[in-house]
Protein backbone atom coordinates (compact mmCIF):
# COMPACT_ATOMS: atom_id res chain seq x y z
CA MET A 1 4.64 17.38 -3.37
CA PRO A 2 4.71 13.91 -2.12
CA ARG A 3 7.97 12.52 -1.09
CA LEU A 4 9.46 10.08 -3.49
CA PHE A 5 11.18 6.98 -2.78
CA THR A 6 14.01 5.59 -4.78
CA ALA A 7 12.89 2.45 -6.01
CA CYS A 8 15.82 1.26 -8.17
CA ALA A 9 18.03 -0.07 -5.31
CA LEU A 10 19.57 -3.57 -5.57
CA MET A 11 17.70 -6.19 -3.51
CA THR A 12 18.80 -9.53 -1.92
CA SER A 13 15.37 -11.32 -1.64
CA LEU A 14 13.18 -9.14 -3.92
CA ALA A 15 14.67 -8.99 -7.04
CA LEU A 16 13.34 -6.34 -9.64
CA ALA A 17 13.63 -6.35 -13.41
CA PRO A 18 15.24 -2.97 -14.04
CA ASP A 19 12.43 -1.59 -16.46
CA THR A 20 9.90 -2.40 -13.70
CA ALA A 21 11.77 -0.78 -10.89
CA LEU A 22 11.73 2.54 -12.80
CA ALA A 23 8.24 2.35 -14.33
CA GLN A 24 6.49 4.67 -11.96
CA ALA A 25 6.98 6.81 -9.02
CA VAL A 26 6.53 5.18 -5.45
CA HIS A 27 5.13 7.71 -2.93
CA ALA A 28 5.02 7.66 0.86
CA LEU A 29 1.53 7.51 2.64
CA GLU A 30 1.55 8.45 6.34
CA VAL A 31 -0.83 5.90 8.07
CA PRO A 32 -2.04 6.87 11.55
CA GLY A 33 -1.08 4.34 14.16
CA PHE A 34 1.33 2.62 11.93
CA ARG A 35 4.36 3.22 9.94
CA ALA A 36 4.32 4.87 6.56
CA ALA A 37 3.04 2.63 3.67
CA ALA A 38 4.15 3.11 -0.03
CA PHE A 39 1.61 3.64 -3.01
CA VAL A 40 1.69 4.02 -6.74
CA THR A 41 -1.10 6.11 -8.23
CA PRO A 42 -3.20 5.16 -11.21
CA ASP A 43 -2.73 6.80 -14.63
CA ALA A 44 -6.49 6.59 -15.29
CA PRO A 45 -8.85 9.26 -14.02
CA GLY A 46 -11.78 8.62 -12.00
CA GLN A 47 -12.72 5.91 -9.70
CA ARG A 48 -10.08 3.03 -9.64
CA PRO A 49 -9.78 -0.14 -7.75
CA VAL A 50 -7.10 -0.92 -5.10
CA VAL A 51 -4.45 -3.52 -5.30
CA ILE A 52 -2.78 -4.33 -2.08
CA GLY A 53 0.69 -5.57 -2.48
CA LEU A 54 2.52 -7.30 0.70
CA HIS A 55 6.22 -7.72 0.43
CA GLY A 56 8.52 -10.54 1.74
CA ASN A 57 10.67 -10.79 4.72
CA PHE A 58 13.64 -8.59 4.88
CA ASP A 59 12.24 -6.70 1.86
CA ARG A 60 10.65 -2.99 1.86
CA PRO A 61 7.40 -1.85 0.74
CA GLU A 62 8.74 0.28 -1.86
CA TRP A 63 10.31 -2.47 -3.50
CA MET A 64 6.99 -4.39 -3.70
CA CYS A 65 5.22 -1.53 -5.28
CA ALA A 66 7.98 -0.93 -7.75
CA ALA A 67 7.85 -4.52 -8.59
CA TRP A 68 4.11 -4.68 -9.32
CA ALA A 69 3.73 -1.16 -10.81
CA GLY A 70 4.41 -2.51 -14.29
CA VAL A 71 1.96 -5.37 -13.77
CA VAL A 72 -0.84 -3.19 -12.61
CA ALA A 73 0.05 -0.73 -15.49
CA GLY A 74 -1.60 2.27 -14.05
CA ARG A 75 -5.16 0.60 -14.05
CA ALA A 76 -5.39 0.83 -10.06
CA PHE A 77 -4.07 2.20 -6.94
CA LEU A 78 -1.20 -0.11 -5.85
CA LEU A 79 -1.03 0.15 -2.03
CA CYS A 80 1.92 -1.61 -0.17
CA PRO A 81 1.94 -1.66 3.67
CA ARG A 82 5.12 -1.44 5.53
CA GLY A 83 4.90 -3.82 8.41
CA GLU A 84 7.55 -3.87 11.22
CA PRO A 85 11.30 -3.36 11.34
CA ARG A 86 13.77 -6.13 11.36
CA ALA A 87 15.58 -5.58 14.52
CA ASP A 88 18.49 -7.67 13.57
CA ALA A 89 19.42 -5.22 10.62
CA PRO A 90 18.40 -1.71 11.74
CA GLU A 91 21.13 -0.24 9.36
CA LEU A 92 19.75 -1.96 6.28
CA ASP A 93 16.08 -0.57 6.43
CA ARG A 94 14.50 -3.99 6.11
CA TRP A 95 10.97 -5.07 7.09
CA GLN A 96 8.71 -8.08 8.05
CA LEU A 97 5.04 -8.37 8.04
CA PRO A 98 3.23 -8.83 11.30
CA PRO A 99 0.94 -11.64 12.26
CA ALA A 100 -2.30 -11.65 10.23
CA ALA A 101 -4.69 -9.97 12.78
CA ARG A 102 -2.38 -7.05 13.17
CA LEU A 103 -1.57 -6.88 9.50
CA ARG A 104 -5.40 -6.58 8.71
CA ARG A 105 -5.64 -3.69 10.79
CA GLU A 106 -2.53 -2.08 9.36
CA ILE A 107 -4.09 -2.70 5.73
CA GLN A 108 -7.43 -1.30 6.90
CA ALA A 109 -5.66 1.83 8.19
CA ALA A 110 -3.64 2.28 5.26
CA ARG A 111 -6.74 1.95 2.90
CA ARG A 112 -8.32 4.60 4.91
CA ALA A 113 -5.47 7.04 4.64
CA LEU A 114 -5.39 6.42 1.03
CA GLU A 115 -9.13 7.20 0.77
CA ALA A 116 -8.62 10.46 2.72
CA ARG A 117 -5.81 11.59 0.40
CA TYR A 118 -7.91 10.73 -2.59
CA PRO A 119 -11.60 11.05 -1.84
CA GLY A 120 -13.96 9.76 -4.06
CA ARG A 121 -11.24 8.05 -6.22
CA LEU A 122 -11.31 4.41 -4.72
CA ALA A 123 -13.66 2.34 -6.60
CA PRO A 124 -16.22 0.18 -4.44
CA GLY A 125 -15.79 -3.38 -4.33
CA PRO A 126 -13.31 -5.90 -2.92
CA ASP A 127 -9.52 -5.07 -3.33
CA LEU A 128 -7.09 -7.54 -5.20
CA TYR A 129 -4.26 -8.77 -3.19
CA VAL A 130 -0.94 -9.82 -4.45
CA GLY A 131 1.93 -11.26 -2.20
CA PHE A 132 5.38 -12.34 -2.51
CA SER A 133 7.17 -14.91 -0.09
CA GLN A 134 6.05 -13.81 3.47
CA GLY A 135 3.47 -11.57 1.98
CA ALA A 136 2.04 -14.60 0.11
CA HIS A 137 1.98 -16.47 3.30
CA ARG A 138 0.01 -13.77 5.08
CA ILE A 139 -2.54 -13.42 2.28
CA SER A 140 -3.07 -17.20 2.37
CA ARG A 141 -3.67 -17.15 6.12
CA MET A 142 -6.34 -14.34 5.80
CA ALA A 143 -8.07 -15.59 2.81
CA VAL A 144 -8.53 -19.08 4.05
CA ASP A 145 -10.16 -17.60 7.01
CA ASP A 146 -12.47 -15.09 5.18
CA PRO A 147 -13.00 -16.08 1.62
CA ALA A 148 -15.48 -13.06 0.99
CA ALA A 149 -12.93 -10.52 1.61
CA TYR A 150 -10.41 -11.96 -0.52
CA PRO A 151 -11.95 -13.13 -3.96
CA ARG A 152 -8.98 -12.46 -6.01
CA VAL A 153 -5.31 -13.25 -4.78
CA GLN A 154 -2.01 -13.74 -6.49
CA LEU A 155 0.60 -15.64 -4.42
CA VAL A 156 4.15 -15.61 -5.56
CA GLU A 157 6.64 -18.15 -3.97
CA GLY A 158 4.82 -18.65 -0.80
CA GLY A 159 1.50 -19.46 1.14
CA ALA A 160 0.61 -22.71 -0.88
CA SER A 161 1.17 -25.00 2.06
CA LEU A 162 -1.82 -23.07 3.95
CA TRP A 163 -4.40 -24.09 1.51
CA ARG A 164 -4.26 -27.77 2.50
CA ASP A 165 -7.77 -27.29 4.24
CA ALA A 166 -9.22 -24.71 1.92
CA ARG A 167 -12.75 -26.27 1.60
CA ARG A 168 -14.31 -23.11 2.93
CA TYR A 169 -12.70 -21.18 0.25
CA ALA A 170 -13.43 -23.75 -2.27
CA ARG A 171 -17.02 -23.00 -1.66
CA SER A 172 -16.63 -19.60 -2.80
CA GLU A 173 -16.39 -18.10 -6.26
CA GLY A 174 -12.74 -16.71 -5.74
CA ARG A 175 -9.86 -17.01 -7.81
CA VAL A 176 -6.30 -17.88 -6.53
CA ALA A 177 -3.17 -17.73 -8.56
CA PHE A 178 0.00 -19.37 -7.46
CA VAL A 179 3.25 -18.33 -9.20
CA CYS A 180 6.43 -20.40 -8.62
CA ALA A 181 10.20 -20.47 -9.41
CA MET A 182 11.02 -23.44 -7.02
CA ARG A 183 9.83 -26.92 -7.29
CA TRP A 184 8.63 -27.16 -3.62
CA CYS A 185 6.16 -24.19 -4.49
CA GLU A 186 4.92 -25.93 -7.53
CA MET A 187 4.16 -29.11 -5.56
CA ARG A 188 2.39 -27.44 -3.09
CA GLY A 189 0.54 -25.06 -5.21
CA THR A 190 -0.53 -28.03 -7.25
CA ARG A 191 -2.05 -29.74 -4.35
CA ALA A 192 -3.92 -26.51 -3.34
CA ALA A 193 -5.06 -25.73 -6.61
CA ARG A 194 -6.70 -29.25 -6.61
CA THR A 195 -8.41 -28.72 -3.42
CA LEU A 196 -9.88 -25.24 -4.74
CA GLU A 197 -11.18 -26.67 -8.01
CA ARG A 198 -12.91 -29.32 -6.23
CA GLY A 199 -15.46 -26.57 -5.42
CA ARG A 200 -16.60 -23.40 -7.18
CA ALA A 201 -13.23 -21.67 -6.77
CA GLN A 202 -10.83 -21.28 -9.67
CA ALA A 203 -7.21 -21.74 -9.44
CA ARG A 204 -4.10 -21.38 -11.74
CA LEU A 205 -0.62 -22.15 -11.24
CA GLU A 206 2.15 -21.04 -13.32
CA ARG A 207 5.89 -21.93 -12.64
CA ARG A 208 9.15 -20.52 -14.35
CA ASP A 209 12.31 -22.38 -13.53
CA GLY A 210 14.74 -20.05 -11.89
CA ALA A 211 16.71 -19.20 -8.70
CA HIS A 212 14.86 -19.04 -5.47
CA HIS A 213 12.53 -15.88 -5.32
CA ASP A 214 13.80 -14.52 -8.87
CA LEU A 215 11.02 -12.26 -9.82
CA ARG A 216 12.91 -11.62 -13.07
CA VAL A 217 12.28 -15.12 -14.09
CA MET A 218 8.73 -15.15 -12.76
CA GLU A 219 7.72 -11.68 -14.19
CA PRO A 220 5.96 -13.14 -17.41
CA ALA A 221 3.99 -15.58 -15.25
CA ILE A 222 3.02 -12.79 -12.63
CA ARG A 223 1.91 -10.72 -15.49
CA GLU A 224 -0.27 -13.70 -16.95
CA THR A 225 -1.91 -14.55 -13.71
CA PHE A 226 -2.62 -11.05 -12.80
CA GLU A 227 -4.64 -10.50 -16.04
CA TRP A 228 -6.29 -13.75 -15.35
CA LEU A 229 -7.37 -12.50 -12.01
CA ILE A 230 -8.96 -9.47 -13.17
CA ALA A 231 -10.44 -10.57 -16.41
CA GLY A 232 -14.33 -9.52 -16.30
CA ASP A 233 -13.57 -6.92 -13.70
CA ALA A 234 -14.72 -3.62 -15.50
CA ARG A 235 -12.92 -1.72 -12.75
CA PHE A 236 -9.58 -2.43 -14.34
CA GLY A 237 -10.24 -0.92 -17.44
CA ALA A 238 -7.23 0.28 -19.62
CA ALA A 239 -5.49 3.42 -18.42
CA PRO A 240 -5.21 6.11 -21.28
């Protein structure tokens, strides 16, 4: 039996809605060459797409997977890489994400490990990326450099400033969702969305007023923009 993480712990920076935290079991995935990732399995049988979830600074991948499990709603594999330990808080089990180049390698290794664990279950096609705070920043860095590999991204409270020069991504047919609680996030996200929409890309921004990084406030907007991102993708058919 896979080891289960307890995902209902209280958080400082990644706040979970209580019902989301307990929605689905979060499991450990050993990743050769890297630290263990966290993941949630789909409820639906057969081939299912993969959602890559990147956590914020001083968070845990288990928290990220727990927070988005209810959003994904059993329609896909949810895979949350761990990153690197925060050396300044070893007793708290807190993590940060490495720079983009190393993070890409970790994601690729984690995905291979998931494929090995569930052979034939991962649907072909590009993965969807969701990121919170530092995770949103890393996704933005990677997507701006390689639009084809990141055609659907959801950025929550982070990363919008990296889209100032997004002309290359704007030429793609990608979709980018910005979700904000803070005014600074909304301002930068609005400018980024305008840049993207000058080309063929689509962008959407949703803001819910609230405390900094309060996912409980932003959860409705997270759900709405996720559904917008997957619209038309048959791989995300409803789970039974």
